[in-house]
Amino acid sequence: MGAHQKLVTPPPTFLLPPSAPNLTLITHAPLPTPTPLGTHPYPPPHTRAQADWTRALETSNTLYVGNLSFYTREEQIYEVFLKCGHMERVIMGLDKNTKTPCGFCFIIYYTR
């Protein structure tokens, strides 16, 4: 077979026994019915009740810090934000390929 020729396989053949004339052959599962726009089973956060968001904000110990320099180190984050309270941990956003900081972090405090 040449380097540029493709191997073509014929479609499978299904044979039903003659003793089963009332059987229906299904070769694949039916495709799911698409959901109409706006009827997703999990509504987006902006459609949730305002009370839920208020409650979550009142109990959250996590702070998002954005627009950081790509050269910001975790130690620098600790140095600046320890002044606001005892920090449990810092989660630096990292580029998935180079594993270098990409300009944001999350700070989790022990108390609010």
PDB file of N, CA and C in Angstrom:
ATOM      1  N   MET A   1       0.856  -1.177   0.000  1.00  0.00           N
ATOM      2  CA  MET A   1       0.000   0.000   0.000  1.00  0.00           C
ATOM      3  C   MET A   1       0.894   1.228   0.000  1.00  0.00           C
ATOM      4  N   GLY A   2       0.571   2.224  -0.831  1.00  0.00           N
ATOM      5  CA  GLY A   2       1.369   3.435  -0.949  1.00  0.00           C
ATOM      6  C   GLY A   2       1.267   4.299   0.299  1.00  0.00           C
ATOM      7  N   ALA A   3       2.178   5.228   0.418  1.00  0.00           N
ATOM      8  CA  ALA A   3       2.208   6.094   1.602  1.00  0.00           C
ATOM      9  C   ALA A   3       1.022   7.034   1.664  1.00  0.00           C
ATOM     10  N   HIS A   4       0.434   7.364   0.492  1.00  0.00           N
ATOM     11  CA  HIS A   4      -0.658   8.334   0.470  1.00  0.00           C
ATOM     12  C   HIS A   4      -2.028   7.686   0.312  1.00  0.00           C
ATOM     13  N   GLN A   5      -2.097   6.369   0.288  1.00  0.00           N
ATOM     14  CA  GLN A   5      -3.387   5.699   0.150  1.00  0.00           C
ATOM     15  C   GLN A   5      -4.013   5.512   1.521  1.00  0.00           C
ATOM     16  N   LYS A   6      -5.310   5.679   1.584  1.00  0.00           N
ATOM     17  CA  LYS A   6      -6.026   5.496   2.841  1.00  0.00           C
ATOM     18  C   LYS A   6      -6.680   4.122   2.833  1.00  0.00           C
ATOM     19  N   LEU A   7      -6.690   3.494   3.985  1.00  0.00           N
ATOM     20  CA  LEU A   7      -7.357   2.215   4.131  1.00  0.00           C
ATOM     21  C   LEU A   7      -8.839   2.478   4.334  1.00  0.00           C
ATOM     22  N   VAL A   8      -9.655   1.952   3.455  1.00  0.00           N
ATOM     23  CA  VAL A   8     -11.097   2.164   3.530  1.00  0.00           C
ATOM     24  C   VAL A   8     -11.732   0.872   4.008  1.00  0.00           C
ATOM     25  N   THR A   9     -12.455   0.958   5.106  1.00  0.00           N
ATOM     26  CA  THR A   9     -13.149  -0.208   5.633  1.00  0.00           C
ATOM     27  C   THR A   9     -14.620  -0.127   5.278  1.00  0.00           C
ATOM     28  N   PRO A  10     -15.211  -1.211   4.817  1.00  0.00           N
ATOM     29  CA  PRO A  10     -16.632  -1.182   4.492  1.00  0.00           C
ATOM     30  C   PRO A  10     -17.456  -1.079   5.775  1.00  0.00           C
ATOM     31  N   PRO A  11     -18.663  -0.510   5.688  1.00  0.00           N
ATOM     32  CA  PRO A  11     -19.506  -0.425   6.887  1.00  0.00           C
ATOM     33  C   PRO A  11     -19.895  -1.818   7.354  1.00  0.00           C
ATOM     34  N   PRO A  12     -20.122  -1.993   8.665  1.00  0.00           N
ATOM     35  CA  PRO A  12     -20.487  -3.325   9.168  1.00  0.00           C
ATOM     36  C   PRO A  12     -21.843  -3.768   8.630  1.00  0.00           C
ATOM     37  N   THR A  13     -21.967  -5.068   8.459  1.00  0.00           N
ATOM     38  CA  THR A  13     -23.225  -5.640   7.983  1.00  0.00           C
ATOM     39  C   THR A  13     -23.866  -6.388   9.147  1.00  0.00           C
ATOM     40  N   PHE A  14     -25.149  -6.154   9.350  1.00  0.00           N
ATOM     41  CA  PHE A  14     -25.879  -6.819  10.421  1.00  0.00           C
ATOM     42  C   PHE A  14     -26.932  -7.714   9.797  1.00  0.00           C
ATOM     43  N   LEU A  15     -26.885  -8.964  10.150  1.00  0.00           N
ATOM     44  CA  LEU A  15     -27.863  -9.918   9.630  1.00  0.00           C
ATOM     45  C   LEU A  15     -28.739 -10.393  10.777  1.00  0.00           C
ATOM     46  N   LEU A  16     -30.054 -10.345  10.567  1.00  0.00           N
ATOM     47  CA  LEU A  16     -30.992 -10.857  11.558  1.00  0.00           C
ATOM     48  C   LEU A  16     -31.381 -12.269  11.164  1.00  0.00           C
ATOM     49  N   PRO A  17     -31.519 -13.123  12.127  1.00  0.00           N
ATOM     50  CA  PRO A  17     -31.952 -14.479  11.792  1.00  0.00           C
ATOM     51  C   PRO A  17     -33.380 -14.458  11.245  1.00  0.00           C
ATOM     52  N   PRO A  18     -33.710 -15.359  10.315  1.00  0.00           N
ATOM     53  CA  PRO A  18     -35.056 -15.368   9.738  1.00  0.00           C
ATOM     54  C   PRO A  18     -36.139 -15.679  10.768  1.00  0.00           C
ATOM     55  N   SER A  19     -35.775 -16.281  11.909  1.00  0.00           N
ATOM     56  CA  SER A  19     -36.774 -16.620  12.924  1.00  0.00           C
ATOM     57  C   SER A  19     -37.183 -15.404  13.751  1.00  0.00           C
ATOM     58  N   ALA A  20     -36.602 -14.258  13.529  1.00  0.00           N
ATOM     59  CA  ALA A  20     -36.910 -13.068  14.310  1.00  0.00           C
ATOM     60  C   ALA A  20     -37.335 -11.932  13.378  1.00  0.00           C
ATOM     61  N   PRO A  21     -38.480 -12.040  12.699  1.00  0.00           N
ATOM     62  CA  PRO A  21     -38.873 -11.013  11.752  1.00  0.00           C
ATOM     63  C   PRO A  21     -39.367  -9.727  12.412  1.00  0.00           C
ATOM     64  N   ASN A  22     -39.775  -9.765  13.682  1.00  0.00           N
ATOM     65  CA  ASN A  22     -40.332  -8.580  14.339  1.00  0.00           C
ATOM     66  C   ASN A  22     -39.286  -7.761  15.102  1.00  0.00           C
ATOM     67  N   LEU A  23     -38.024  -8.142  15.026  1.00  0.00           N
ATOM     68  CA  LEU A  23     -36.993  -7.389  15.725  1.00  0.00           C
ATOM     69  C   LEU A  23     -36.595  -6.169  14.904  1.00  0.00           C
ATOM     70  N   THR A  24     -36.325  -5.102  15.605  1.00  0.00           N
ATOM     71  CA  THR A  24     -35.859  -3.888  14.945  1.00  0.00           C
ATOM     72  C   THR A  24     -34.370  -3.754  15.216  1.00  0.00           C
ATOM     73  N   LEU A  25     -33.597  -3.511  14.194  1.00  0.00           N
ATOM     74  CA  LEU A  25     -32.166  -3.368  14.334  1.00  0.00           C
ATOM     75  C   LEU A  25     -31.835  -1.908  14.595  1.00  0.00           C
ATOM     76  N   ILE A  26     -31.123  -1.658  15.679  1.00  0.00           N
ATOM     77  CA  ILE A  26     -30.679  -0.306  15.999  1.00  0.00           C
ATOM     78  C   ILE A  26     -29.156  -0.326  15.935  1.00  0.00           C
ATOM     79  N   THR A  27     -28.594   0.448  15.044  1.00  0.00           N
ATOM     80  CA  THR A  27     -27.143   0.431  14.870  1.00  0.00           C
ATOM     81  C   THR A  27     -26.441   1.455  15.743  1.00  0.00           C
ATOM     82  N   HIS A  28     -27.145   2.453  16.274  1.00  0.00           N
ATOM     83  CA  HIS A  28     -26.538   3.447  17.156  1.00  0.00           C
ATOM     84  C   HIS A  28     -27.606   4.010  18.073  1.00  0.00           C
ATOM     85  N   ALA A  29     -27.147   4.607  19.146  1.00  0.00           N
ATOM     86  CA  ALA A  29     -28.083   5.226  20.089  1.00  0.00           C
ATOM     87  C   ALA A  29     -28.635   6.507  19.477  1.00  0.00           C
ATOM     88  N   PRO A  30     -29.871   6.862  19.786  1.00  0.00           N
ATOM     89  CA  PRO A  30     -30.423   8.106  19.248  1.00  0.00           C
ATOM     90  C   PRO A  30     -29.658   9.308  19.794  1.00  0.00           C
ATOM     91  N   LEU A  31     -29.555  10.343  18.995  1.00  0.00           N
ATOM     92  CA  LEU A  31     -28.874  11.552  19.422  1.00  0.00           C
ATOM     93  C   LEU A  31     -29.706  12.293  20.461  1.00  0.00           C
ATOM     94  N   PRO A  32     -29.058  12.928  21.436  1.00  0.00           N
ATOM     95  CA  PRO A  32     -29.824  13.654  22.442  1.00  0.00           C
ATOM     96  C   PRO A  32     -30.524  14.862  21.822  1.00  0.00           C
ATOM     97  N   THR A  33     -31.662  15.177  22.371  1.00  0.00           N
ATOM     98  CA  THR A  33     -32.407  16.332  21.903  1.00  0.00           C
ATOM     99  C   THR A  33     -31.737  17.588  22.427  1.00  0.00           C
ATOM    100  N   PRO A  34     -31.423  18.556  21.555  1.00  0.00           N
ATOM    101  CA  PRO A  34     -30.779  19.778  22.049  1.00  0.00           C
ATOM    102  C   PRO A  34     -31.730  20.564  22.941  1.00  0.00           C
ATOM    103  N   THR A  35     -31.153  21.180  23.965  1.00  0.00           N
ATOM    104  CA  THR A  35     -31.985  21.980  24.861  1.00  0.00           C
ATOM    105  C   THR A  35     -32.146  23.374  24.278  1.00  0.00           C
ATOM    106  N   PRO A  36     -33.327  23.946  24.387  1.00  0.00           N
ATOM    107  CA  PRO A  36     -33.521  25.311  23.896  1.00  0.00           C
ATOM    108  C   PRO A  36     -32.667  26.294  24.688  1.00  0.00           C
ATOM    109  N   LEU A  37     -32.355  27.408  24.083  1.00  0.00           N
ATOM    110  CA  LEU A  37     -31.549  28.416  24.766  1.00  0.00           C
ATOM    111  C   LEU A  37     -32.248  28.891  26.030  1.00  0.00           C
ATOM    112  N   GLY A  38     -31.474  29.046  27.082  1.00  0.00           N
ATOM    113  CA  GLY A  38     -32.025  29.560  28.330  1.00  0.00           C
ATOM    114  C   GLY A  38     -32.625  28.503  29.234  1.00  0.00           C
ATOM    115  N   THR A  39     -32.524  27.215  28.874  1.00  0.00           N
ATOM    116  CA  THR A  39     -33.106  26.174  29.720  1.00  0.00           C
ATOM    117  C   THR A  39     -32.043  25.206  30.198  1.00  0.00           C
ATOM    118  N   HIS A  40     -30.845  25.686  30.463  1.00  0.00           N
ATOM    119  CA  HIS A  40     -29.762  24.842  30.946  1.00  0.00           C
ATOM    120  C   HIS A  40     -30.121  24.333  32.336  1.00  0.00           C
ATOM    121  N   PRO A  41     -29.793  23.061  32.654  1.00  0.00           N
ATOM    122  CA  PRO A  41     -30.171  22.529  33.970  1.00  0.00           C
ATOM    123  C   PRO A  41     -29.495  23.246  35.139  1.00  0.00           C
ATOM    124  N   TYR A  42     -28.335  23.862  34.894  1.00  0.00           N
ATOM    125  CA  TYR A  42     -27.659  24.615  35.940  1.00  0.00           C
ATOM    126  C   TYR A  42     -27.619  26.076  35.511  1.00  0.00           C
ATOM    127  N   PRO A  43     -28.469  26.903  36.061  1.00  0.00           N
ATOM    128  CA  PRO A  43     -28.506  28.299  35.615  1.00  0.00           C
ATOM    129  C   PRO A  43     -27.200  29.011  35.934  1.00  0.00           C
ATOM    130  N   PRO A  44     -26.818  29.972  35.111  1.00  0.00           N
ATOM    131  CA  PRO A  44     -25.585  30.714  35.378  1.00  0.00           C
ATOM    132  C   PRO A  44     -25.695  31.504  36.672  1.00  0.00           C
ATOM    133  N   PRO A  45     -24.537  31.834  37.265  1.00  0.00           N
ATOM    134  CA  PRO A  45     -24.561  32.495  38.575  1.00  0.00           C
ATOM    135  C   PRO A  45     -25.362  33.782  38.613  1.00  0.00           C
ATOM    136  N   HIS A  46     -25.405  34.546  37.523  1.00  0.00           N
ATOM    137  CA  HIS A  46     -26.101  35.832  37.592  1.00  0.00           C
ATOM    138  C   HIS A  46     -27.614  35.676  37.676  1.00  0.00           C
ATOM    139  N   THR A  47     -28.138  34.455  37.492  1.00  0.00           N
ATOM    140  CA  THR A  47     -29.577  34.272  37.624  1.00  0.00           C
ATOM    141  C   THR A  47     -29.975  33.725  38.983  1.00  0.00           C
ATOM    142  N   ARG A  48     -29.002  33.426  39.832  1.00  0.00           N
ATOM    143  CA  ARG A  48     -29.327  32.928  41.171  1.00  0.00           C
ATOM    144  C   ARG A  48     -29.885  34.052  42.028  1.00  0.00           C
ATOM    145  N   ALA A  49     -30.524  33.677  43.082  1.00  0.00           N
ATOM    146  CA  ALA A  49     -31.137  34.673  43.961  1.00  0.00           C
ATOM    147  C   ALA A  49     -30.067  35.555  44.590  1.00  0.00           C
ATOM    148  N   GLN A  50     -30.370  36.817  44.713  1.00  0.00           N
ATOM    149  CA  GLN A  50     -29.426  37.779  45.296  1.00  0.00           C
ATOM    150  C   GLN A  50     -29.084  37.399  46.730  1.00  0.00           C
ATOM    151  N   ALA A  51     -30.019  36.815  47.442  1.00  0.00           N
ATOM    152  CA  ALA A  51     -29.766  36.432  48.831  1.00  0.00           C
ATOM    153  C   ALA A  51     -28.676  35.359  48.917  1.00  0.00           C
ATOM    154  N   ASP A  52     -28.657  34.433  47.957  1.00  0.00           N
ATOM    155  CA  ASP A  52     -27.617  33.403  47.951  1.00  0.00           C
ATOM    156  C   ASP A  52     -26.235  34.024  47.769  1.00  0.00           C
ATOM    157  N   TRP A  53     -26.130  34.972  46.856  1.00  0.00           N
ATOM    158  CA  TRP A  53     -24.847  35.626  46.616  1.00  0.00           C
ATOM    159  C   TRP A  53     -24.421  36.448  47.822  1.00  0.00           C
ATOM    160  N   THR A  54     -25.358  37.131  48.440  1.00  0.00           N
ATOM    161  CA  THR A  54     -25.037  37.929  49.620  1.00  0.00           C
ATOM    162  C   THR A  54     -24.525  37.034  50.732  1.00  0.00           C
ATOM    163  N   ARG A  55     -25.190  35.901  50.932  1.00  0.00           N
ATOM    164  CA  ARG A  55     -24.781  34.956  51.973  1.00  0.00           C
ATOM    165  C   ARG A  55     -23.383  34.408  51.680  1.00  0.00           C
ATOM    166  N   ALA A  56     -23.106  34.074  50.417  1.00  0.00           N
ATOM    167  CA  ALA A  56     -21.790  33.554  50.053  1.00  0.00           C
ATOM    168  C   ALA A  56     -20.701  34.601  50.266  1.00  0.00           C
ATOM    169  N   LEU A  57     -20.982  35.841  49.923  1.00  0.00           N
ATOM    170  CA  LEU A  57     -19.997  36.896  50.121  1.00  0.00           C
ATOM    171  C   LEU A  57     -19.742  37.175  51.596  1.00  0.00           C
ATOM    172  N   GLU A  58     -20.781  37.035  52.417  1.00  0.00           N
ATOM    173  CA  GLU A  58     -20.627  37.298  53.842  1.00  0.00           C
ATOM    174  C   GLU A  58     -19.818  36.216  54.545  1.00  0.00           C
ATOM    175  N   THR A  59     -19.761  35.021  53.984  1.00  0.00           N
ATOM    176  CA  THR A  59     -19.057  33.913  54.641  1.00  0.00           C
ATOM    177  C   THR A  59     -17.732  33.555  53.978  1.00  0.00           C
ATOM    178  N   SER A  60     -17.411  34.153  52.844  1.00  0.00           N
ATOM    179  CA  SER A  60     -16.201  33.797  52.108  1.00  0.00           C
ATOM    180  C   SER A  60     -14.956  34.360  52.782  1.00  0.00           C
ATOM    181  N   ASN A  61     -13.901  33.555  52.796  1.00  0.00           N
ATOM    182  CA  ASN A  61     -12.604  33.976  53.321  1.00  0.00           C
ATOM    183  C   ASN A  61     -11.592  34.127  52.188  1.00  0.00           C
ATOM    184  N   THR A  62     -12.045  34.094  50.951  1.00  0.00           N
ATOM    185  CA  THR A  62     -11.162  34.097  49.795  1.00  0.00           C
ATOM    186  C   THR A  62     -11.158  35.463  49.125  1.00  0.00           C
ATOM    187  N   LEU A  63      -9.970  35.918  48.772  1.00  0.00           N
ATOM    188  CA  LEU A  63      -9.793  37.205  48.120  1.00  0.00           C
ATOM    189  C   LEU A  63      -9.127  36.968  46.771  1.00  0.00           C
ATOM    190  N   TYR A  64      -9.689  37.532  45.710  1.00  0.00           N
ATOM    191  CA  TYR A  64      -9.089  37.468  44.378  1.00  0.00           C
ATOM    192  C   TYR A  64      -8.250  38.725  44.167  1.00  0.00           C
ATOM    193  N   VAL A  65      -7.023  38.550  43.701  1.00  0.00           N
ATOM    194  CA  VAL A  65      -6.145  39.679  43.396  1.00  0.00           C
ATOM    195  C   VAL A  65      -5.733  39.544  41.938  1.00  0.00           C
ATOM    196  N   GLY A  66      -6.110  40.530  41.136  1.00  0.00           N
ATOM    197  CA  GLY A  66      -5.793  40.479  39.716  1.00  0.00           C
ATOM    198  C   GLY A  66      -4.849  41.586  39.306  1.00  0.00           C
ATOM    199  N   ASN A  67      -4.481  41.582  38.050  1.00  0.00           N
ATOM    200  CA  ASN A  67      -3.618  42.590  37.443  1.00  0.00           C
ATOM    201  C   ASN A  67      -2.238  42.631  38.086  1.00  0.00           C
ATOM    202  N   LEU A  68      -1.747  41.457  38.502  1.00  0.00           N
ATOM    203  CA  LEU A  68      -0.406  41.373  39.075  1.00  0.00           C
ATOM    204  C   LEU A  68       0.629  41.309  37.958  1.00  0.00           C
ATOM    205  N   SER A  69       1.827  41.724  38.257  1.00  0.00           N
ATOM    206  CA  SER A  69       2.930  41.565  37.317  1.00  0.00           C
ATOM    207  C   SER A  69       3.216  40.070  37.155  1.00  0.00           C
ATOM    208  N   PHE A  70       3.668  39.686  35.985  1.00  0.00           N
ATOM    209  CA  PHE A  70       4.022  38.281  35.754  1.00  0.00           C
ATOM    210  C   PHE A  70       5.263  37.886  36.555  1.00  0.00           C
ATOM    211  N   TYR A  71       5.940  38.855  37.124  1.00  0.00           N
ATOM    212  CA  TYR A  71       7.147  38.587  37.896  1.00  0.00           C
ATOM    213  C   TYR A  71       6.886  38.589  39.401  1.00  0.00           C
ATOM    214  N   THR A  72       5.620  38.690  39.806  1.00  0.00           N
ATOM    215  CA  THR A  72       5.272  38.700  41.231  1.00  0.00           C
ATOM    216  C   THR A  72       5.504  37.314  41.814  1.00  0.00           C
ATOM    217  N   ARG A  73       6.176  37.274  42.954  1.00  0.00           N
ATOM    218  CA  ARG A  73       6.442  36.003  43.629  1.00  0.00           C
ATOM    219  C   ARG A  73       5.455  35.826  44.785  1.00  0.00           C
ATOM    220  N   GLU A  74       5.261  34.584  45.176  1.00  0.00           N
ATOM    221  CA  GLU A  74       4.340  34.264  46.272  1.00  0.00           C
ATOM    222  C   GLU A  74       4.780  34.945  47.570  1.00  0.00           C
ATOM    223  N   GLU A  75       6.076  35.041  47.795  1.00  0.00           N
ATOM    224  CA  GLU A  75       6.589  35.693  49.005  1.00  0.00           C
ATOM    225  C   GLU A  75       6.174  37.164  49.054  1.00  0.00           C
ATOM    226  N   GLN A  76       6.149  37.812  47.909  1.00  0.00           N
ATOM    227  CA  GLN A  76       5.734  39.215  47.860  1.00  0.00           C
ATOM    228  C   GLN A  76       4.254  39.362  48.210  1.00  0.00           C
ATOM    229  N   ILE A  77       3.445  38.425  47.765  1.00  0.00           N
ATOM    230  CA  ILE A  77       2.010  38.439  48.102  1.00  0.00           C
ATOM    231  C   ILE A  77       1.845  38.300  49.615  1.00  0.00           C
ATOM    232  N   TYR A  78       2.574  37.345  50.214  1.00  0.00           N
ATOM    233  CA  TYR A  78       2.504  37.166  51.665  1.00  0.00           C
ATOM    234  C   TYR A  78       2.924  38.437  52.394  1.00  0.00           C
ATOM    235  N   GLU A  79       3.991  39.046  51.944  1.00  0.00           N
ATOM    236  CA  GLU A  79       4.521  40.240  52.605  1.00  0.00           C
ATOM    237  C   GLU A  79       3.497  41.379  52.627  1.00  0.00           C
ATOM    238  N   VAL A  80       2.796  41.587  51.554  1.00  0.00           N
ATOM    239  CA  VAL A  80       1.847  42.695  51.465  1.00  0.00           C
ATOM    240  C   VAL A  80       0.538  42.368  52.168  1.00  0.00           C
ATOM    241  N   PHE A  81      -0.014  41.176  51.940  1.00  0.00           N
ATOM    242  CA  PHE A  81      -1.363  40.879  52.412  1.00  0.00           C
ATOM    243  C   PHE A  81      -1.419  40.304  53.826  1.00  0.00           C
ATOM    244  N   LEU A  82      -0.281  39.994  54.442  1.00  0.00           N
ATOM    245  CA  LEU A  82      -0.296  39.586  55.849  1.00  0.00           C
ATOM    246  C   LEU A  82      -0.708  40.736  56.751  1.00  0.00           C
ATOM    247  N   LYS A  83      -0.592  41.936  56.260  1.00  0.00           N
ATOM    248  CA  LYS A  83      -0.996  43.114  57.034  1.00  0.00           C
ATOM    249  C   LYS A  83      -2.507  43.153  57.244  1.00  0.00           C
ATOM    250  N   CYS A  84      -3.249  42.422  56.411  1.00  0.00           N
ATOM    251  CA  CYS A  84      -4.718  42.416  56.499  1.00  0.00           C
ATOM    252  C   CYS A  84      -5.247  41.291  57.376  1.00  0.00           C
ATOM    253  N   GLY A  85      -4.411  40.340  57.775  1.00  0.00           N
ATOM    254  CA  GLY A  85      -4.865  39.231  58.601  1.00  0.00           C
ATOM    255  C   GLY A  85      -4.020  37.997  58.357  1.00  0.00           C
ATOM    256  N   HIS A  86      -4.282  36.959  59.168  1.00  0.00           N
ATOM    257  CA  HIS A  86      -3.526  35.708  59.052  1.00  0.00           C
ATOM    258  C   HIS A  86      -4.004  34.934  57.826  1.00  0.00           C
ATOM    259  N   MET A  87      -3.034  34.610  56.966  1.00  0.00           N
ATOM    260  CA  MET A  87      -3.369  33.949  55.709  1.00  0.00           C
ATOM    261  C   MET A  87      -3.206  32.437  55.844  1.00  0.00           C
ATOM    262  N   GLU A  88      -4.179  31.720  55.322  1.00  0.00           N
ATOM    263  CA  GLU A  88      -4.102  30.258  55.302  1.00  0.00           C
ATOM    264  C   GLU A  88      -3.213  29.801  54.154  1.00  0.00           C
ATOM    265  N   ARG A  89      -3.458  30.347  52.935  1.00  0.00           N
ATOM    266  CA  ARG A  89      -2.625  29.990  51.783  1.00  0.00           C
ATOM    267  C   ARG A  89      -2.821  30.984  50.652  1.00  0.00           C
ATOM    268  N   VAL A  90      -1.893  30.956  49.728  1.00  0.00           N
ATOM    269  CA  VAL A  90      -1.949  31.754  48.508  1.00  0.00           C
ATOM    270  C   VAL A  90      -1.940  30.790  47.337  1.00  0.00           C
ATOM    271  N   ILE A  91      -2.858  30.992  46.409  1.00  0.00           N
ATOM    272  CA  ILE A  91      -2.919  30.157  45.209  1.00  0.00           C
ATOM    273  C   ILE A  91      -2.601  31.057  44.023  1.00  0.00           C
ATOM    274  N   MET A  92      -1.433  30.866  43.457  1.00  0.00           N
ATOM    275  CA  MET A  92      -0.994  31.680  42.324  1.00  0.00           C
ATOM    276  C   MET A  92      -1.528  31.073  41.035  1.00  0.00           C
ATOM    277  N   GLY A  93      -2.074  31.934  40.166  1.00  0.00           N
ATOM    278  CA  GLY A  93      -2.469  31.476  38.845  1.00  0.00           C
ATOM    279  C   GLY A  93      -1.220  31.246  38.008  1.00  0.00           C
ATOM    280  N   LEU A  94      -1.086  30.051  37.445  1.00  0.00           N
ATOM    281  CA  LEU A  94       0.101  29.705  36.673  1.00  0.00           C
ATOM    282  C   LEU A  94      -0.261  29.366  35.240  1.00  0.00           C
ATOM    283  N   ASP A  95       0.620  29.706  34.317  1.00  0.00           N
ATOM    284  CA  ASP A  95       0.469  29.307  32.928  1.00  0.00           C
ATOM    285  C   ASP A  95       0.603  27.789  32.855  1.00  0.00           C
ATOM    286  N   LYS A  96      -0.306  27.126  32.154  1.00  0.00           N
ATOM    287  CA  LYS A  96      -0.314  25.665  32.182  1.00  0.00           C
ATOM    288  C   LYS A  96       0.872  25.044  31.459  1.00  0.00           C
ATOM    289  N   ASN A  97       1.488  25.765  30.552  1.00  0.00           N
ATOM    290  CA  ASN A  97       2.624  25.208  29.815  1.00  0.00           C
ATOM    291  C   ASN A  97       3.961  25.513  30.481  1.00  0.00           C
ATOM    292  N   THR A  98       4.157  26.763  30.854  1.00  0.00           N
ATOM    293  CA  THR A  98       5.465  27.157  31.399  1.00  0.00           C
ATOM    294  C   THR A  98       5.508  27.145  32.922  1.00  0.00           C
ATOM    295  N   LYS A  99       4.371  27.022  33.570  1.00  0.00           N
ATOM    296  CA  LYS A  99       4.269  27.007  35.039  1.00  0.00           C
ATOM    297  C   LYS A  99       4.819  28.296  35.658  1.00  0.00           C
ATOM    298  N   THR A 100       4.673  29.412  34.954  1.00  0.00           N
ATOM    299  CA  THR A 100       5.079  30.712  35.476  1.00  0.00           C
ATOM    300  C   THR A 100       3.837  31.511  35.846  1.00  0.00           C
ATOM    301  N   PRO A 101       3.950  32.463  36.794  1.00  0.00           N
ATOM    302  CA  PRO A 101       2.777  33.252  37.186  1.00  0.00           C
ATOM    303  C   PRO A 101       2.167  33.974  35.993  1.00  0.00           C
ATOM    304  N   CYS A 102       0.838  34.079  35.997  1.00  0.00           N
ATOM    305  CA  CYS A 102       0.161  34.719  34.853  1.00  0.00           C
ATOM    306  C   CYS A 102      -0.715  35.891  35.272  1.00  0.00           C
ATOM    307  N   GLY A 103      -0.428  36.525  36.418  1.00  0.00           N
ATOM    308  CA  GLY A 103      -1.042  37.800  36.711  1.00  0.00           C
ATOM    309  C   GLY A 103      -2.205  37.820  37.681  1.00  0.00           C
ATOM    310  N   PHE A 104      -2.486  36.726  38.370  1.00  0.00           N
ATOM    311  CA  PHE A 104      -3.546  36.760  39.372  1.00  0.00           C
ATOM    312  C   PHE A 104      -3.244  35.747  40.462  1.00  0.00           C
ATOM    313  N   CYS A 105      -3.950  35.884  41.583  1.00  0.00           N
ATOM    314  CA  CYS A 105      -3.835  34.903  42.663  1.00  0.00           C
ATOM    315  C   CYS A 105      -5.099  34.947  43.512  1.00  0.00           C
ATOM    316  N   PHE A 106      -5.269  33.925  44.324  1.00  0.00           N
ATOM    317  CA  PHE A 106      -6.336  33.865  45.318  1.00  0.00           C
ATOM    318  C   PHE A 106      -5.658  33.782  46.676  1.00  0.00           C
ATOM    319  N   ILE A 107      -6.165  34.547  47.617  1.00  0.00           N
ATOM    320  CA  ILE A 107      -5.655  34.504  48.984  1.00  0.00           C
ATOM    321  C   ILE A 107      -6.770  34.004  49.882  1.00  0.00           C
ATOM    322  N   ILE A 108      -6.473  32.978  50.658  1.00  0.00           N
ATOM    323  CA  ILE A 108      -7.462  32.424  51.581  1.00  0.00           C
ATOM    324  C   ILE A 108      -7.024  32.777  53.002  1.00  0.00           C
ATOM    325  N   TYR A 109      -7.877  33.513  53.682  1.00  0.00           N
ATOM    326  CA  TYR A 109      -7.612  33.921  55.063  1.00  0.00           C
ATOM    327  C   TYR A 109      -8.256  32.927  56.014  1.00  0.00           C
ATOM    328  N   TYR A 110      -7.721  32.846  57.238  1.00  0.00           N
ATOM    329  CA  TYR A 110      -8.318  31.974  58.259  1.00  0.00           C
ATOM    330  C   TYR A 110      -9.664  32.502  58.716  1.00  0.00           C
ATOM    331  N   THR A 111      -9.752  33.815  58.884  1.00  0.00           N
ATOM    332  CA  THR A 111     -11.021  34.434  59.321  1.00  0.00           C
ATOM    333  C   THR A 111     -11.376  35.551  58.373  1.00  0.00           C
ATOM    334  N   ARG A 112     -12.608  35.948  58.434  1.00  0.00           N
ATOM    335  CA  ARG A 112     -13.093  37.001  57.556  1.00  0.00           C
ATOM    336  C   ARG A 112     -12.673  38.355  58.044  1.00  0.00           C
TER     337      ARG A 112
END
